[in-house]
Amino acid sequence: MPNKQRKVLVVMGTRPEVIKLAPVITELSRHPARLKPLVCSTGQHRHILDQMMTMFKLKADFDLNLMKPNQALPEFLQHSVGELNKVIAKVRPDMTIVQGDTITATAAALASYYARVPVAHVEAGLRSHDRNNPFPEEANRLIVDQISDLLFVPTKSSARNLEKEGFPRSRVLITGNTVIDSLRQSLKFIDKKMDCCKIPKGKKLVLVTLHRRESFGKTLEGILKALKEVVETNKKLFMIYPVHPNPNVRGPAYKLLNHPRIKLIDPLSYLPFLSLMAKSDLIVTDSGGVQEEAPALNKPVLVLRDRTERSEAIFAGCAKLIGTDYGDIVREMKYSSERLCETCSAGANIYGDGLASRRITEAILHYFAPTKYPLPREFTRDIFLKDMAPPAETIFS
């Protein structure tokens, strides 16, 4: 039935999922005769999720509001699978789209798989090659990839990961990362006068983001102490840190980062955050999305993780993996910023060209009506993205 309108359930629950799926929903909506996107929110990150939904003018057709204070991961996963199963039974979608490596994505993929609904995974194929780092994201993405029918990978490096794991090439399509789609569209709306925090004249701005679960506790405390040490010893630095609302992050941050040149603020909505990134001289982060956005803005990044699944920026010279050790952080923040600035090419096109969502939509149309919607040549030729990284097996040798 190639002319039938297909219902596509798009499931999201966190800030990054909204940012990366919003342009996909927009592209799907351009084909109302063929595709009907339906948005389902789990409410995994309630407040900052709502911020992003408002920013991208999205409204959930189903808002499950599943997150509870201090809810354990297994409890949230179990609850999410059960409630998403009810949504799927009611909607009877022809496909479910999930993004990334969250519990929301895992639950939606599992519920759809159990209901025999095809799953499309946006941002598939990322690997740190350590299932406990990042935790639980690495295991989540392994699970979601295994049960997905369409695997939309951002880069050739991600495609190679899946090839080595035995995935059929017919299921793997290199699209670029949809975060670049959102970034390029959003930059047009940034007011140059947008100023969420006043930066003292003559100071170098260091933007910090921290939220990784595997760093909670002593590791996070060591990171925060290192950040303060660097600011104390370099009077030219001014640090801004939008603090994640998780109490495991917020408590230590406000306890340990008391300094006149460190500004702690609430999480920002997308446009103000992009504006702040654009004004930064150095970004220090453990975020996956920021590792993708910063190169496109020509900003050097120090990655506060022991491993990363986004190796492309590292090999392009736009980012450096510095770990979570106190001494390493202090040393790299003091001496690495100038070298990183010099080696990162302006507006690096590492993670895509802003057309990923269009390619994803074309591939979904092809999935349902292959003769009517043949795949574009770029999918078959596999040459439209610059290959920045070496083979996966050499990344962590």
Protein backbone atom coordinates (compact mmCIF):
# COMPACT_ATOMS: atom_id res chain seq x y z
CA MET A 1 0.00 0.00 0.00
CA PRO A 2 2.51 2.66 -1.15
CA ASN A 3 -0.02 5.53 -1.08
CA LYS A 4 -1.16 4.96 2.49
CA GLN A 5 -0.41 7.66 5.06
CA ARG A 6 2.01 6.14 7.58
CA LYS A 7 1.89 7.00 11.26
CA VAL A 8 5.36 7.64 12.68
CA LEU A 9 5.65 7.76 16.48
CA VAL A 10 8.53 10.01 17.58
CA VAL A 11 9.49 9.41 21.22
CA MET A 12 11.55 11.85 23.30
CA GLY A 13 12.20 12.56 26.95
CA THR A 14 15.36 14.63 27.35
CA ARG A 15 16.73 17.97 26.17
CA PRO A 16 19.14 16.47 23.60
CA GLU A 17 16.39 14.31 22.13
CA VAL A 18 14.20 17.34 21.51
CA ILE A 19 17.07 19.29 19.91
CA LYS A 20 18.00 16.40 17.64
CA LEU A 21 14.49 15.21 16.76
CA ALA A 22 12.81 18.59 16.23
CA PRO A 23 14.22 19.01 12.69
CA VAL A 24 13.24 15.41 11.90
CA ILE A 25 9.64 16.10 12.94
CA THR A 26 9.67 19.24 10.78
CA GLU A 27 10.84 17.28 7.74
CA LEU A 28 8.35 14.46 8.31
CA SER A 29 5.58 17.06 8.48
CA ARG A 30 6.47 18.27 4.99
CA HIS A 31 4.92 15.07 3.61
CA PRO A 32 1.41 15.04 5.11
CA ALA A 33 -0.01 12.81 2.39
CA ARG A 34 2.55 10.10 3.17
CA LEU A 35 3.68 10.58 6.78
CA LYS A 36 1.92 11.58 9.99
CA PRO A 37 4.37 12.25 12.86
CA LEU A 38 2.98 11.78 16.37
CA VAL A 39 5.09 13.06 19.29
CA CYS A 40 5.28 11.18 22.58
CA SER A 41 7.12 12.58 25.62
CA THR A 42 8.15 10.47 28.60
CA GLY A 43 9.09 13.58 30.62
CA GLN A 44 12.46 12.06 31.57
CA HIS A 45 13.96 15.54 32.05
CA ARG A 46 10.75 17.41 32.83
CA HIS A 47 11.78 21.05 33.22
CA ILE A 48 14.52 21.28 30.60
CA LEU A 49 12.47 19.08 28.25
CA ASP A 50 9.59 21.56 28.43
CA GLN A 51 12.03 24.41 27.74
CA MET A 52 13.13 22.74 24.52
CA MET A 53 9.61 21.80 23.44
CA THR A 54 8.57 25.44 23.75
CA MET A 55 11.68 26.64 21.95
CA PHE A 56 11.06 24.37 18.94
CA LYS A 57 7.27 24.94 19.04
CA LEU A 58 6.56 21.26 19.58
CA LYS A 59 3.50 19.86 21.31
CA ALA A 60 3.34 16.30 22.57
CA ASP A 61 0.42 14.24 21.33
CA PHE A 62 1.10 11.99 24.32
CA ASP A 63 2.76 13.33 27.50
CA LEU A 64 3.39 10.44 29.88
CA ASN A 65 5.15 12.48 32.62
CA LEU A 66 6.86 9.38 33.98
CA MET A 67 9.82 10.79 35.90
CA LYS A 68 9.69 10.83 39.71
CA PRO A 69 12.27 12.30 42.14
CA ASN A 70 15.25 9.97 42.72
CA GLN A 71 13.70 7.28 40.50
CA ALA A 72 16.04 4.35 39.90
CA LEU A 73 16.98 3.51 36.31
CA PRO A 74 15.33 0.03 36.32
CA GLU A 75 12.13 1.51 37.73
CA PHE A 76 11.98 4.23 35.09
CA LEU A 77 12.73 1.74 32.31
CA GLN A 78 10.05 -0.68 33.49
CA HIS A 79 7.46 2.07 33.90
CA SER A 80 8.33 3.58 30.50
CA VAL A 81 8.07 0.30 28.59
CA GLY A 82 4.66 -0.37 30.14
CA GLU A 83 3.22 3.07 29.40
CA LEU A 84 4.72 3.27 25.91
CA ASN A 85 3.22 -0.12 25.16
CA LYS A 86 -0.20 1.41 25.87
CA VAL A 87 0.51 4.32 23.52
CA ILE A 88 1.66 1.96 20.78
CA ALA A 89 -1.45 -0.19 21.20
CA LYS A 90 -3.62 2.92 20.89
CA VAL A 91 -1.78 4.57 17.97
CA ARG A 92 -0.76 1.41 16.09
CA PRO A 93 2.16 3.26 14.43
CA ASP A 94 3.82 2.07 11.27
CA MET A 95 7.23 3.07 12.67
CA THR A 96 8.78 4.42 15.87
CA ILE A 97 11.68 6.87 15.78
CA VAL A 98 14.06 7.08 18.74
CA GLN A 99 17.23 9.10 19.17
CA GLY A 100 20.52 8.45 20.88
CA ASP A 101 21.16 6.44 24.00
CA THR A 102 18.73 7.45 26.75
CA ILE A 103 16.47 5.26 28.87
CA THR A 104 13.59 6.85 26.94
CA ALA A 105 15.06 5.68 23.62
CA THR A 106 15.71 2.20 25.02
CA ALA A 107 12.19 1.86 26.44
CA ALA A 108 10.56 3.09 23.22
CA ALA A 109 12.65 0.75 21.09
CA LEU A 110 11.86 -2.24 23.32
CA ALA A 111 8.13 -1.49 23.50
CA SER A 112 8.00 -1.09 19.71
CA TYR A 113 10.00 -4.24 19.10
CA TYR A 114 7.71 -6.27 21.37
CA ALA A 115 4.73 -4.90 19.41
CA ARG A 116 6.48 -5.72 16.11
CA VAL A 117 6.63 -2.07 15.11
CA PRO A 118 9.73 -1.16 13.03
CA VAL A 119 12.24 1.04 14.87
CA ALA A 120 14.36 3.79 13.28
CA HIS A 121 17.36 4.83 15.38
CA VAL A 122 18.64 8.37 14.84
CA GLU A 123 22.32 8.72 15.83
CA ALA A 124 23.03 4.99 15.68
CA GLY A 125 26.43 3.32 15.72
CA LEU A 126 28.22 5.46 18.32
CA ARG A 127 30.62 3.42 20.44
CA SER A 128 33.03 4.12 23.27
CA HIS A 129 33.92 0.39 23.29
CA ASP A 130 33.42 0.31 27.07
CA ARG A 131 29.91 -0.63 28.14
CA ASN A 132 30.35 1.05 31.52
CA ASN A 133 31.64 4.34 30.17
CA PRO A 134 29.48 6.29 29.63
CA PHE A 135 27.02 4.55 31.93
CA PRO A 136 24.35 3.52 31.07
CA GLU A 137 24.41 5.12 27.61
CA GLU A 138 26.84 2.70 25.98
CA ALA A 139 24.70 -0.31 26.89
CA ASN A 140 21.55 1.56 25.86
CA ARG A 141 22.84 2.27 22.36
CA LEU A 142 23.96 -1.34 21.92
CA ILE A 143 20.45 -2.53 22.80
CA VAL A 144 18.67 0.00 20.58
CA ASP A 145 20.89 -0.69 17.58
CA GLN A 146 20.27 -4.43 17.82
CA ILE A 147 16.48 -4.09 17.58
CA SER A 148 16.32 -1.24 15.05
CA ASP A 149 15.27 -1.75 11.45
CA LEU A 150 16.81 1.51 10.19
CA LEU A 151 20.10 2.77 11.59
CA PHE A 152 20.79 6.42 10.80
CA VAL A 153 24.44 6.98 11.61
CA PRO A 154 26.06 10.44 11.76
CA THR A 155 29.49 9.57 10.33
CA LYS A 156 31.46 6.92 8.48
CA SER A 157 33.19 6.00 11.73
CA SER A 158 29.80 5.09 13.22
CA ALA A 159 28.93 3.10 10.10
CA ARG A 160 32.19 1.15 10.45
CA ASN A 161 31.33 0.30 14.04
CA LEU A 162 28.11 -1.34 12.90
CA GLU A 163 29.81 -3.05 9.97
CA LYS A 164 32.31 -4.66 12.34
CA GLU A 165 29.42 -5.84 14.52
CA GLY A 166 27.81 -7.58 11.55
CA PHE A 167 24.92 -5.26 10.77
CA PRO A 168 23.69 -5.53 7.15
CA ARG A 169 24.76 -2.51 5.10
CA SER A 170 21.18 -2.18 3.82
CA ARG A 171 20.02 -1.14 7.32
CA VAL A 172 22.80 1.41 7.87
CA LEU A 173 22.49 4.87 6.28
CA ILE A 174 24.96 7.71 6.82
CA THR A 175 22.96 10.91 7.23
CA GLY A 176 25.03 13.33 9.31
CA ASN A 177 23.95 14.37 12.78
CA THR A 178 20.64 16.17 13.19
CA VAL A 179 22.14 18.37 15.93
CA ILE A 180 23.86 20.31 13.13
CA ASP A 181 20.49 20.78 11.43
CA SER A 182 19.11 22.38 14.61
CA LEU A 183 22.24 24.42 15.20
CA ARG A 184 22.36 25.91 11.70
CA GLN A 185 18.68 26.78 11.74
CA SER A 186 18.85 28.25 15.24
CA LEU A 187 21.92 30.42 14.66
CA LYS A 188 19.77 32.61 12.40
CA PHE A 189 17.62 33.55 15.39
CA ILE A 190 20.34 34.36 17.88
CA ASP A 191 20.31 38.00 18.90
CA LYS A 192 23.89 39.24 19.05
CA LYS A 193 22.90 41.24 22.11
CA MET A 194 21.53 38.14 23.84
CA ASP A 195 23.38 38.11 27.14
CA CYS A 196 22.29 35.69 29.85
CA CYS A 197 25.35 36.64 31.93
CA LYS A 198 27.52 39.71 31.81
CA ILE A 199 31.10 38.77 31.01
CA PRO A 200 33.68 41.08 32.62
CA LYS A 201 35.65 43.10 30.12
CA GLY A 202 39.01 41.62 29.20
CA LYS A 203 38.25 38.15 30.57
CA LYS A 204 38.42 34.88 28.68
CA LEU A 205 35.16 32.97 28.91
CA VAL A 206 35.25 29.29 29.87
CA LEU A 207 31.90 27.53 29.48
CA VAL A 208 31.40 24.38 31.56
CA THR A 209 28.75 21.67 31.35
CA LEU A 210 28.73 18.57 33.57
CA HIS A 211 26.09 15.90 34.11
CA ARG A 212 27.49 12.40 33.49
CA ARG A 213 26.15 9.79 35.88
CA GLU A 214 29.44 7.88 36.06
CA SER A 215 31.10 10.96 37.56
CA PHE A 216 28.72 11.35 40.50
CA GLY A 217 30.39 11.44 43.91
CA LYS A 218 34.15 11.71 44.45
CA THR A 219 34.98 11.99 40.76
CA LEU A 220 32.69 14.97 40.27
CA GLU A 221 34.04 16.62 43.41
CA GLY A 222 37.56 16.28 42.05
CA ILE A 223 36.52 17.79 38.71
CA LEU A 224 34.87 20.76 40.42
CA LYS A 225 37.91 21.37 42.63
CA ALA A 226 40.17 21.32 39.56
CA LEU A 227 37.95 23.86 37.78
CA LYS A 228 38.12 26.19 40.76
CA GLU A 229 41.90 25.76 41.01
CA VAL A 230 42.35 26.81 37.37
CA VAL A 231 40.19 29.91 37.77
CA GLU A 232 41.93 30.90 41.02
CA THR A 233 45.37 30.73 39.42
CA ASN A 234 44.48 32.49 36.15
CA LYS A 235 42.98 35.94 36.69
CA LYS A 236 42.14 36.24 32.99
CA LEU A 237 39.49 33.51 33.18
CA PHE A 238 35.79 33.93 33.83
CA MET A 239 33.79 30.70 34.08
CA ILE A 240 30.07 30.20 33.48
CA TYR A 241 28.46 26.91 34.44
CA PRO A 242 24.77 26.22 33.69
CA VAL A 243 24.21 23.64 36.44
CA HIS A 244 22.23 20.51 35.64
CA PRO A 245 19.17 20.17 37.94
CA ASN A 246 20.08 16.67 39.13
CA PRO A 247 20.79 17.01 42.89
CA ASN A 248 23.87 14.81 42.51
CA VAL A 249 25.32 17.60 40.34
CA ARG A 250 23.69 20.71 41.73
CA GLY A 251 24.62 20.09 45.38
CA PRO A 252 28.39 19.65 44.88
CA ALA A 253 28.55 22.46 42.31
CA TYR A 254 27.10 25.09 44.63
CA LYS A 255 29.16 23.78 47.53
CA LEU A 256 32.56 23.71 45.80
CA LEU A 257 32.49 26.44 43.13
CA ASN A 258 32.23 29.52 45.30
CA HIS A 259 34.42 32.09 43.53
CA PRO A 260 33.85 35.65 42.22
CA ARG A 261 34.93 34.66 38.69
CA ILE A 262 32.73 31.55 38.57
CA LYS A 263 29.09 32.14 37.71
CA LEU A 264 26.65 29.32 38.41
CA ILE A 265 23.35 29.65 36.59
CA ASP A 266 20.25 27.57 35.93
CA PRO A 267 20.11 25.52 32.71
CA LEU A 268 19.58 27.70 29.65
CA SER A 269 17.13 27.24 26.84
CA TYR A 270 18.67 26.42 23.48
CA LEU A 271 19.17 29.85 21.88
CA PRO A 272 20.77 31.50 24.93
CA PHE A 273 23.02 28.46 25.33
CA LEU A 274 24.11 28.62 21.69
CA SER A 275 24.79 32.33 22.15
CA LEU A 276 26.94 31.56 25.18
CA MET A 277 28.82 28.86 23.27
CA ALA A 278 29.48 31.30 20.44
CA LYS A 279 30.97 33.81 22.91
CA SER A 280 33.16 31.24 24.68
CA ASP A 281 36.91 31.02 24.35
CA LEU A 282 37.04 27.47 25.69
CA ILE A 283 34.39 24.85 26.41
CA VAL A 284 34.92 22.19 29.07
CA THR A 285 32.28 19.48 29.03
CA ASP A 286 31.25 15.87 29.48
CA SER A 287 28.28 16.31 27.13
CA GLY A 288 28.02 14.40 23.87
CA GLY A 289 25.95 17.05 22.13
CA VAL A 290 28.34 19.85 23.03
CA GLN A 291 31.20 17.83 21.52
CA GLU A 292 29.25 17.91 18.25
CA GLU A 293 28.10 21.54 18.36
CA ALA A 294 31.37 23.18 19.41
CA PRO A 295 33.39 22.25 16.27
CA ALA A 296 30.64 23.71 14.08
CA LEU A 297 31.07 26.96 16.05
CA ASN A 298 34.88 26.79 15.81
CA LYS A 299 35.24 26.41 19.58
CA PRO A 300 37.93 24.26 21.23
CA VAL A 301 36.67 21.60 23.63
CA LEU A 302 38.22 19.78 26.56
CA VAL A 303 36.24 16.59 27.21
CA LEU A 304 35.92 15.59 30.86
CA ARG A 305 35.58 11.88 30.20
CA ASP A 306 37.87 8.86 30.08
CA ARG A 307 36.37 7.66 26.79
CA THR A 308 34.22 9.21 24.11
CA GLU A 309 32.02 7.76 21.40
CA ARG A 310 32.53 10.96 19.37
CA SER A 311 36.12 10.52 18.27
CA GLU A 312 35.81 12.55 15.07
CA ALA A 313 36.37 15.93 16.75
CA ILE A 314 39.38 14.56 18.63
CA PHE A 315 41.10 13.44 15.44
CA ALA A 316 40.17 16.70 13.71
CA GLY A 317 42.03 18.60 16.46
CA CYS A 318 38.88 20.38 17.68
CA ALA A 319 38.63 18.54 20.99
CA LYS A 320 40.85 16.79 23.48
CA LEU A 321 39.92 13.95 25.80
CA ILE A 322 41.42 14.88 29.18
CA GLY A 323 39.77 12.43 31.58
CA THR A 324 38.51 13.16 35.07
CA ASP A 325 41.73 13.24 37.11
CA TYR A 326 42.31 16.43 39.11
CA GLY A 327 45.91 16.92 37.97
CA ASP A 328 45.17 16.20 34.31
CA ILE A 329 42.31 18.69 34.26
CA VAL A 330 44.39 21.45 35.83
CA ARG A 331 47.30 20.85 33.47
CA GLU A 332 45.23 20.66 30.28
CA MET A 333 43.09 23.66 31.09
CA LYS A 334 46.20 25.70 31.74
CA TYR A 335 48.20 24.70 28.68
CA SER A 336 45.98 23.19 25.97
CA SER A 337 43.51 25.91 25.00
CA GLU A 338 45.81 27.83 22.65
CA ARG A 339 46.90 24.71 20.78
CA LEU A 340 43.30 23.57 20.37
CA CYS A 341 42.29 26.96 19.05
CA GLU A 342 44.99 26.80 16.41
CA THR A 343 44.21 23.31 15.14
CA CYS A 344 40.42 23.54 14.82
CA SER A 345 39.35 24.66 11.37
CA ALA A 346 36.63 27.28 11.16
CA GLY A 347 33.12 25.89 11.10
CA ALA A 348 34.35 22.30 10.97
CA ASN A 349 31.92 20.09 9.01
CA ILE A 350 32.71 17.00 11.06
CA TYR A 351 29.25 15.86 12.09
CA GLY A 352 27.21 16.85 9.08
CA ASP A 353 26.09 19.56 6.70
CA GLY A 354 22.68 20.47 8.13
CA LEU A 355 20.70 18.14 5.86
CA ALA A 356 20.54 15.02 8.04
CA SER A 357 16.81 15.33 8.78
CA ARG A 358 15.98 15.55 5.10
CA ARG A 359 17.99 12.39 4.40
CA ILE A 360 16.29 10.56 7.28
CA THR A 361 12.87 11.50 5.92
CA GLU A 362 13.83 10.38 2.41
CA ALA A 363 14.99 7.05 3.79
CA ILE A 364 11.72 6.55 5.69
CA LEU A 365 9.69 7.36 2.58
CA HIS A 366 11.81 4.83 0.70
CA TYR A 367 11.24 2.22 3.43
CA PHE A 368 7.48 2.39 2.96
CA ALA A 369 7.45 2.91 -0.84
CA PRO A 370 10.80 1.89 -2.34
CA THR A 371 9.75 2.14 -5.99
CA LYS A 372 8.07 5.52 -5.58
CA TYR A 373 10.89 6.99 -3.44
CA PRO A 374 14.28 5.60 -4.52
CA LEU A 375 17.18 6.35 -2.22
CA PRO A 376 19.29 9.36 -3.24
CA ARG A 377 22.65 8.52 -4.80
CA GLU A 378 24.53 9.90 -1.81
CA PHE A 379 23.26 7.01 0.33
CA THR A 380 24.61 4.42 -2.06
CA ARG A 381 27.85 6.18 -2.96
CA ASP A 382 28.67 6.83 0.72
CA ILE A 383 30.99 9.76 -0.01
CA PHE A 384 29.14 12.93 0.97
CA LEU A 385 30.59 13.28 4.48
CA LYS A 386 34.27 13.91 5.07
CA ASP A 387 35.83 10.98 6.90
CA MET A 388 37.73 12.49 9.81
CA ALA A 389 38.51 9.46 11.98
CA PRO A 390 40.68 6.35 11.59
CA PRO A 391 39.16 2.86 11.80
CA ALA A 392 37.42 2.19 15.10
CA GLU A 393 39.92 -0.44 16.25
CA THR A 394 42.72 2.15 16.33
CA ILE A 395 40.87 4.80 18.28
CA PHE A 396 41.68 3.53 21.78
CA SER A 397 44.84 1.55 21.13
